[in-house]
């Protein structure tokens, strides 16, 4: 995929998977995200992924899409985790709110499952992005 195709693809997607590694353990987990200015913005709660990314800020981020005919698109990103605070965290939440419907199931689920855990806003600054696609109709 070209840089333009990758950017267009990432802009319309909402779910990605962050991969992190710390203390000999690799962990991959889906997150709701918004893409802006070469960064993925995420608002989540403290847990294993945040603990691991605080320990090792080098992360991988993956977004994919599959089609009924067997075709697919996938983007892999190598990047750096940056935890956001204060105004930067508020900006991340605004970016996500603007991009996602307030009635989306993913947001409802995040609110329901976050009780008792501290919220965390972060971004992954993309350093390298590659994309592939298979078109079964070609």
Protein backbone atom coordinates (compact mmCIF):
# COMPACT_ATOMS: atom_id res chain seq x y z
CA UNK A 1 0.00 0.00 0.00
CA UNK A 2 1.20 3.52 -0.75
CA UNK A 3 1.58 6.14 2.00
CA UNK A 4 -1.63 7.81 0.80
CA UNK A 5 -3.54 4.49 0.84
CA UNK A 6 -2.25 3.72 4.34
CA UNK A 7 -3.31 7.14 5.64
CA UNK A 8 -6.78 6.90 4.05
CA UNK A 9 -7.25 3.41 5.51
CA UNK A 10 -6.14 4.38 9.03
CA UNK A 11 -8.39 7.46 9.05
CA UNK A 12 -11.59 5.41 8.63
CA UNK A 13 -10.74 2.57 11.02
CA UNK A 14 -11.67 2.66 14.71
CA UNK A 15 -10.27 -0.54 16.25
CA UNK A 16 -6.59 -1.43 16.31
CA UNK A 17 -4.36 -3.75 18.29
CA UNK A 18 -1.48 -2.52 20.38
CA UNK A 19 1.39 -4.92 20.92
CA UNK A 20 3.78 -4.37 23.80
CA UNK A 21 6.62 -6.32 25.38
CA UNK A 22 8.08 -6.14 28.89
CA UNK A 23 9.91 -8.52 31.20
CA UNK A 24 9.87 -11.34 28.64
CA UNK A 25 6.10 -11.14 28.08
CA UNK A 26 4.43 -10.02 24.85
CA UNK A 27 0.86 -8.73 25.05
CA UNK A 28 -1.55 -7.75 22.25
CA UNK A 29 -4.88 -6.11 22.98
CA UNK A 30 -7.55 -4.31 20.91
CA UNK A 31 -8.22 -0.61 21.53
CA UNK A 32 -10.48 2.08 20.12
CA UNK A 33 -8.34 4.79 18.51
CA UNK A 34 -8.32 7.99 16.50
CA UNK A 35 -5.55 8.90 14.02
CA UNK A 36 -4.26 12.47 13.82
CA UNK A 37 -0.92 14.07 12.94
CA UNK A 38 1.06 10.82 12.68
CA UNK A 39 -0.19 9.57 16.05
CA UNK A 40 -2.79 7.11 17.31
CA UNK A 41 -4.78 8.49 20.25
CA UNK A 42 -6.29 6.15 22.84
CA UNK A 43 -8.21 6.70 26.07
CA UNK A 44 -8.28 3.64 28.29
CA UNK A 45 -7.89 2.55 31.91
CA UNK A 46 -4.88 1.35 33.82
CA UNK A 47 -4.13 -2.32 33.35
CA UNK A 48 -1.58 -4.71 31.91
CA UNK A 49 -1.04 -2.88 28.59
CA UNK A 50 -0.42 0.49 30.28
CA UNK A 51 1.92 -1.07 32.86
CA UNK A 52 3.90 -2.78 30.11
CA UNK A 53 4.08 0.31 27.89
CA UNK A 54 5.28 2.40 30.83
CA UNK A 55 8.09 -0.12 31.23
CA UNK A 56 8.94 -0.35 27.50
CA UNK A 57 7.66 2.48 25.32
CA UNK A 58 8.50 0.75 22.00
CA UNK A 59 5.23 -0.68 20.69
CA UNK A 60 3.64 -2.14 17.60
CA UNK A 61 0.17 -1.12 16.40
CA UNK A 62 -1.88 -3.13 13.90
CA UNK A 63 -5.10 -2.30 12.05
CA UNK A 64 -6.84 -4.70 9.68
CA UNK A 65 -9.99 -5.17 7.64
CA UNK A 66 -11.36 -8.32 6.03
CA UNK A 67 -13.83 -8.71 3.15
CA UNK A 68 -16.40 -11.42 2.38
CA UNK A 69 -14.56 -12.39 -0.81
CA UNK A 70 -11.39 -13.26 1.15
CA UNK A 71 -9.58 -9.99 0.48
CA UNK A 72 -8.02 -7.96 3.25
CA UNK A 73 -6.01 -4.85 4.18
CA UNK A 74 -3.57 -4.52 7.05
CA UNK A 75 -1.28 -1.79 8.39
CA UNK A 76 1.57 -2.41 10.82
CA UNK A 77 3.09 0.49 12.74
CA UNK A 78 6.25 0.63 14.79
CA UNK A 79 6.00 3.47 17.27
CA UNK A 80 6.56 4.96 20.68
CA UNK A 81 4.06 5.12 23.57
CA UNK A 82 3.59 8.54 25.19
CA UNK A 83 1.30 8.92 28.17
CA UNK A 84 -0.66 12.17 28.08
CA UNK A 85 -1.61 14.35 31.02
CA UNK A 86 -3.60 17.48 31.73
CA UNK A 87 -4.33 19.49 28.57
CA UNK A 88 -2.76 16.85 26.30
CA UNK A 89 -5.04 14.18 27.81
CA UNK A 90 -8.06 16.46 27.37
CA UNK A 91 -7.07 17.03 23.74
CA UNK A 92 -6.81 13.26 23.16
CA UNK A 93 -10.30 12.79 24.56
CA UNK A 94 -11.63 15.57 22.28
CA UNK A 95 -10.01 13.95 19.24
CA UNK A 96 -11.58 10.61 20.10
CA UNK A 97 -14.98 12.14 20.85
CA UNK A 98 -15.01 13.99 17.53
CA UNK A 99 -14.15 10.83 15.61
CA UNK A 100 -16.42 8.37 17.41
CA UNK A 101 -20.16 8.38 17.94
CA UNK A 102 -21.02 8.89 21.62
CA UNK A 103 -23.46 5.98 21.36
CA UNK A 104 -20.97 3.48 19.92
CA UNK A 105 -20.87 0.08 21.58
CA UNK A 106 -17.11 0.27 22.06
CA UNK A 107 -17.37 3.46 24.09
CA UNK A 108 -20.25 2.11 26.19
CA UNK A 109 -18.25 -1.05 26.91
CA UNK A 110 -15.16 0.97 27.88
CA UNK A 111 -17.19 3.04 30.34
CA UNK A 112 -18.87 -0.02 31.83
CA UNK A 113 -15.64 -1.99 32.31
CA UNK A 114 -13.53 0.88 33.67
CA UNK A 115 -15.17 1.24 37.07
CA UNK A 116 -12.56 1.51 39.80
CA UNK A 117 -9.56 1.90 37.48
CA UNK A 118 -7.78 5.17 36.71
CA UNK A 119 -8.25 6.56 33.18
CA UNK A 120 -5.16 6.85 30.99
CA UNK A 121 -4.81 8.86 27.79
CA UNK A 122 -1.93 8.04 25.48
CA UNK A 123 -0.70 8.32 21.96
CA UNK A 124 1.50 6.15 19.85
CA UNK A 125 3.77 8.24 17.66
CA UNK A 126 4.21 6.36 14.40
CA UNK A 127 7.83 5.93 13.37
CA UNK A 128 7.40 3.39 10.58
CA UNK A 129 4.22 2.27 8.81
CA UNK A 130 3.76 -0.48 6.25
CA UNK A 131 0.61 -1.75 4.62
CA UNK A 132 -0.48 -4.69 2.51
CA UNK A 133 -3.69 -5.62 0.81
CA UNK A 134 -5.06 -8.58 -1.08
CA UNK A 135 -7.84 -7.91 -3.57
CA UNK A 136 -9.59 -11.15 -4.56
CA UNK A 137 -11.54 -9.32 -7.30
CA UNK A 138 -8.45 -8.21 -9.21
